Protein backbone atom coordinates (compact mmCIF):
# COMPACT_ATOMS: atom_id res chain seq x y z
CA MET A 1 92.79 114.30 271.48
CA THR A 2 90.31 112.52 273.38
CA THR A 3 89.59 109.19 272.71
CA ILE A 4 85.62 107.62 273.09
CA THR A 5 85.07 104.02 273.48
CA LEU A 6 81.58 103.07 273.27
CA VAL A 7 80.22 100.25 275.40
CA ASN A 8 77.77 97.31 273.81
CA GLU A 9 74.16 97.85 275.05
CA GLN A 10 74.31 93.93 276.32
CA ASN A 11 77.97 94.08 278.13
CA SER A 12 79.53 91.36 279.41
CA THR A 13 79.92 91.74 283.11
CA GLY A 14 75.82 93.20 283.26
CA ASN A 15 76.81 96.45 284.38
CA PRO A 16 73.28 98.29 283.52
CA PHE A 17 75.28 101.63 283.82
CA SER A 18 77.45 101.02 281.09
CA ALA A 19 74.61 100.91 279.21
CA HIS A 20 72.56 103.63 280.68
CA MET A 21 75.85 105.82 279.75
CA LEU A 22 75.31 105.13 275.95
CA CYS A 23 73.19 108.61 275.46
CA GLU A 24 76.19 110.39 276.94
CA GLN A 25 78.32 108.53 274.98
CA ARG A 26 76.80 109.32 271.73
CA ALA A 27 76.37 113.09 272.88
CA ILE A 28 80.41 113.32 273.69
CA GLN A 29 80.86 111.53 270.04
CA GLU A 30 78.40 114.54 268.30
CA ILE A 31 80.29 117.34 269.95
CA THR A 32 83.47 115.81 269.28
CA TYR A 33 82.55 115.18 265.44
CA GLU A 34 81.13 118.96 265.66
CA LEU A 35 84.23 120.23 267.06
CA LEU A 36 86.39 118.33 264.47
CA GLN A 37 84.54 120.50 262.10
CA SER A 38 86.04 123.71 262.52
CA GLN A 39 89.70 122.53 264.48
CA GLN A 40 91.83 119.95 264.11
CA HIS A 41 92.34 119.02 267.54
CA VAL A 42 89.77 118.59 269.91
CA SER A 43 90.85 118.92 273.74
CA ASN A 44 88.54 117.68 276.84
CA LYS A 45 88.17 121.19 277.85
CA ASP A 46 86.60 122.04 274.33
CA ILE A 47 84.47 119.08 274.85
CA ILE A 48 83.70 120.74 278.48
CA ALA A 49 83.18 124.22 276.90
CA LYS A 50 80.53 122.80 274.79
CA LEU A 51 78.77 120.52 276.71
CA ILE A 52 78.31 123.51 279.21
CA GLU A 53 77.31 125.71 276.31
CA LYS A 54 74.23 123.02 275.33
CA LEU A 55 73.75 123.41 278.90
CA GLU A 56 72.92 126.94 278.65
CA THR A 57 70.77 126.79 275.37
CA GLU A 58 68.80 123.04 275.52
CA LYS A 59 65.28 123.27 276.68
CA ASN A 60 64.44 119.38 276.50
CA VAL A 61 64.51 118.52 280.09
CA VAL A 62 65.86 114.78 278.69
CA GLN A 63 68.26 116.36 276.71
CA LEU A 64 69.96 118.42 279.77
CA ASP A 65 69.98 115.17 281.71
CA ILE A 66 72.41 113.72 279.38
CA TYR A 67 74.64 116.62 279.04
CA ARG A 68 74.83 116.92 282.73
CA ASN A 69 75.64 113.52 282.98
CA ALA A 70 77.90 113.56 279.75
CA LEU A 71 79.71 116.69 281.59
CA GLU A 72 80.26 114.50 284.30
CA ALA A 73 81.77 111.87 282.77
CA VAL A 74 84.24 113.88 280.73
CA LEU A 75 85.25 115.93 284.53
CA PHE A 76 86.03 112.26 285.95
CA GLN A 77 88.42 111.38 283.23
CA THR A 78 90.13 115.00 282.84
CA PRO A 79 93.16 115.03 284.89
CA ASP A 80 93.36 117.88 287.05
CA ASP A 81 95.46 120.88 286.07
CA ILE A 82 98.16 121.87 288.50
């Protein structure tokens, strides 16, 4: 199961990238919640598939950017299959 940790907008390190990722983390949380409505367990693969689906159907360019960045974040924290 995927654990998502939100960062504070004013984080202790002062790293603006963490605050920038807040929208992406919220998108991942919303997708996780949406998936949990229809299944008991949500894997990173489920989240990746849903993000790709949203990228294919979304028209809003700002939201598309958020989904792209969210997908990148999930892919970076997902171990490669061997």
